[in-house]
């Protein structure tokens, strides 16, 4: 979420008309799927792309996050081109915007069939359940109204290095 909320702080708006689709899943549902695979007598074949079967459009994703987190620019929307102009001087925000503006959707319902497990209600419902935690955690990434930049700039995700013996 920091990679989503920090650019929103730069934009001070959601994106309108951005129908790029994204695969999403909440931690509880992912945990149920993982446990289902671990306990299943069926031998898994290949890779599971575990996500909710219904992709979420970028505009819906951003408006849900803005509304549920109570961000001050709820109801404000701009197009992708305007958003790129606003983030042109911030490579971090521009990179995340560019990632949001194209499809990142993986159609794979096998895990739900293979382990006889149902996905949860979908992004809007599950995010609403977790929004209080996200509000507390992500507060440091949100630009308060009247401020020039977030109180803390998020670091890129670092992957652990392989341990060599």
Protein backbone atom coordinates (compact mmCIF):
# COMPACT_ATOMS: atom_id res chain seq x y z
CA UNK A 1 0.00 0.00 0.00
CA UNK A 2 2.78 2.58 0.55
CA UNK A 3 3.53 2.32 -3.17
CA UNK A 4 -0.08 3.28 -3.83
CA UNK A 5 -0.74 5.87 -1.14
CA UNK A 6 2.46 7.91 -1.56
CA UNK A 7 1.74 8.71 -5.24
CA UNK A 8 -1.85 9.55 -4.31
CA UNK A 9 -0.42 12.12 -1.92
CA UNK A 10 1.45 13.69 -4.82
CA UNK A 11 -1.59 13.63 -7.09
CA UNK A 12 -4.06 14.79 -4.44
CA UNK A 13 -6.71 13.01 -6.53
CA UNK A 14 -7.81 9.64 -7.77
CA UNK A 15 -7.63 8.60 -11.42
CA UNK A 16 -10.74 8.79 -13.55
CA UNK A 17 -11.30 6.63 -16.58
CA UNK A 18 -8.35 4.34 -15.87
CA UNK A 19 -9.69 0.85 -16.50
CA UNK A 20 -6.37 -0.99 -16.15
CA UNK A 21 -7.18 -4.20 -14.26
CA UNK A 22 -5.29 -5.44 -11.22
CA UNK A 23 -5.18 -8.73 -9.36
CA UNK A 24 -5.68 -8.26 -5.65
CA UNK A 25 -6.12 -10.43 -2.59
CA UNK A 26 -6.21 -9.74 1.11
CA UNK A 27 -3.90 -11.49 3.58
CA UNK A 28 -6.66 -13.54 5.26
CA UNK A 29 -7.86 -14.99 1.96
CA UNK A 30 -4.30 -15.64 0.82
CA UNK A 31 -3.68 -17.45 4.11
CA UNK A 32 -6.76 -19.63 3.63
CA UNK A 33 -5.62 -20.53 0.10
CA UNK A 34 -2.09 -21.31 1.28
CA UNK A 35 -3.40 -23.51 4.08
CA UNK A 36 -5.78 -25.20 1.63
CA UNK A 37 -2.89 -26.03 -0.72
CA UNK A 38 -0.72 -27.25 2.16
CA UNK A 39 -3.42 -29.58 3.48
CA UNK A 40 -4.81 -30.73 0.15
CA UNK A 41 -4.27 -34.37 -0.82
CA UNK A 42 -4.05 -33.18 -4.43
CA UNK A 43 -0.52 -32.68 -5.75
CA UNK A 44 -0.21 -29.09 -7.02
CA UNK A 45 0.87 -28.71 -10.63
CA UNK A 46 2.58 -25.55 -11.81
CA UNK A 47 2.35 -22.12 -10.26
CA UNK A 48 -0.77 -20.68 -8.67
CA UNK A 49 -1.40 -16.99 -9.21
CA UNK A 50 -3.48 -16.58 -6.08
CA UNK A 51 -5.76 -13.60 -6.37
CA UNK A 52 -9.44 -12.84 -6.34
CA UNK A 53 -11.00 -14.07 -9.60
CA UNK A 54 -12.52 -10.63 -10.30
CA UNK A 55 -9.89 -8.04 -11.25
CA UNK A 56 -10.23 -4.48 -9.96
CA UNK A 57 -10.08 -1.47 -12.28
CA UNK A 58 -7.47 1.12 -11.32
CA UNK A 59 -10.06 3.89 -10.86
CA UNK A 60 -12.07 1.66 -8.50
CA UNK A 61 -8.93 0.63 -6.60
CA UNK A 62 -7.86 4.24 -6.03
CA UNK A 63 -11.32 5.57 -5.18
CA UNK A 64 -11.84 2.74 -2.67
CA UNK A 65 -8.48 3.42 -1.01
CA UNK A 66 -9.12 7.18 -0.92
CA UNK A 67 -12.62 6.74 0.53
CA UNK A 68 -11.79 4.02 3.06
CA UNK A 69 -8.66 5.76 4.34
CA UNK A 70 -10.49 9.07 4.55
CA UNK A 71 -7.90 10.86 2.45
CA UNK A 72 -8.63 14.59 2.08
CA UNK A 73 -8.98 14.56 -1.69
CA UNK A 74 -11.94 12.14 -1.86
CA UNK A 75 -14.21 12.95 -4.79
CA UNK A 76 -11.41 14.58 -6.79
CA UNK A 77 -10.40 12.83 -9.99
CA UNK A 78 -7.92 13.49 -12.79
CA UNK A 79 -6.95 11.67 -15.97
CA UNK A 80 -3.78 9.63 -16.40
CA UNK A 81 -2.09 12.28 -18.60
CA UNK A 82 -2.65 14.97 -15.97
CA UNK A 83 -1.37 12.59 -13.29
CA UNK A 84 1.82 11.96 -15.30
CA UNK A 85 2.38 15.71 -15.57
CA UNK A 86 1.93 16.13 -11.80
CA UNK A 87 4.38 13.32 -11.01
CA UNK A 88 6.96 14.08 -13.71
CA UNK A 89 9.50 15.39 -11.16
CA UNK A 90 9.09 12.42 -8.80
CA UNK A 91 10.47 9.18 -10.29
CA UNK A 92 9.03 7.08 -7.45
CA UNK A 93 5.49 8.40 -7.91
CA UNK A 94 5.75 8.30 -11.71
CA UNK A 95 6.93 4.68 -11.65
CA UNK A 96 4.00 3.63 -9.46
CA UNK A 97 1.56 5.59 -11.58
CA UNK A 98 2.88 3.88 -14.71
CA UNK A 99 2.46 0.49 -13.01
CA UNK A 100 -1.14 1.33 -12.08
CA UNK A 101 -2.07 2.57 -15.54
CA UNK A 102 -1.54 -0.82 -17.25
CA UNK A 103 -3.11 -4.22 -16.61
CA UNK A 104 -1.55 -6.42 -13.94
CA UNK A 105 -4.17 -9.11 -13.85
CA UNK A 106 -3.56 -12.84 -13.65
CA UNK A 107 -6.52 -15.09 -14.46
CA UNK A 108 -6.05 -18.27 -12.44
CA UNK A 109 -8.98 -19.84 -10.62
CA UNK A 110 -7.30 -23.24 -10.23
CA UNK A 111 -6.35 -22.77 -6.59
CA UNK A 112 -9.97 -22.18 -5.62
CA UNK A 113 -11.05 -25.31 -7.51
CA UNK A 114 -8.09 -27.49 -6.47
CA UNK A 115 -8.45 -26.90 -2.73
CA UNK A 116 -12.23 -26.45 -2.63
CA UNK A 117 -11.89 -23.00 -1.10
CA UNK A 118 -13.87 -19.89 -1.96
CA UNK A 119 -12.28 -16.48 -2.45
CA UNK A 120 -13.48 -13.71 -0.15
CA UNK A 121 -15.95 -10.98 -1.11
CA UNK A 122 -13.50 -8.99 -3.21
CA UNK A 123 -11.34 -5.92 -2.82
CA UNK A 124 -13.83 -3.25 -1.74
CA UNK A 125 -15.32 -5.39 1.04
CA UNK A 126 -12.07 -6.82 2.33
CA UNK A 127 -10.23 -3.51 2.20
CA UNK A 128 -13.02 -1.90 4.23
CA UNK A 129 -12.43 -4.51 6.96
CA UNK A 130 -8.70 -3.74 7.04
CA UNK A 131 -8.91 0.04 6.53
CA UNK A 132 -8.44 0.96 10.22
CA UNK A 133 -5.07 -0.83 10.30
CA UNK A 134 -4.02 0.74 6.99
CA UNK A 135 -5.05 4.22 8.20
CA UNK A 136 -2.75 3.89 11.19
CA UNK A 137 0.15 2.31 9.29
CA UNK A 138 0.01 4.52 6.20
CA UNK A 139 -0.51 7.87 7.92
CA UNK A 140 3.21 8.59 7.59
CA UNK A 141 3.01 8.30 3.80
CA UNK A 142 0.15 10.74 3.29
CA UNK A 143 0.84 14.37 2.53
CA UNK A 144 -1.19 16.43 4.99
CA UNK A 145 -3.20 19.22 3.32
CA UNK A 146 -1.00 22.30 2.89
CA UNK A 147 2.27 20.33 3.06
CA UNK A 148 4.74 20.08 0.20
CA UNK A 149 5.65 16.42 0.60
CA UNK A 150 4.87 13.34 2.69
CA UNK A 151 6.26 13.30 6.19
CA UNK A 152 8.29 10.26 5.21
CA UNK A 153 9.13 9.07 1.75
CA UNK A 154 8.66 5.32 1.38
CA UNK A 155 11.71 3.25 0.58
CA UNK A 156 11.65 0.90 -2.34
CA UNK A 157 11.06 -2.72 -1.39
CA UNK A 158 14.37 -4.44 -0.84
CA UNK A 159 14.72 -8.10 -1.54
CA UNK A 160 16.94 -10.14 0.77
CA UNK A 161 20.27 -11.18 -0.69
CA UNK A 162 21.03 -14.82 -1.13
CA UNK A 163 23.23 -16.22 1.59
CA UNK A 164 26.35 -17.80 0.23
CA UNK A 165 28.38 -20.29 2.18
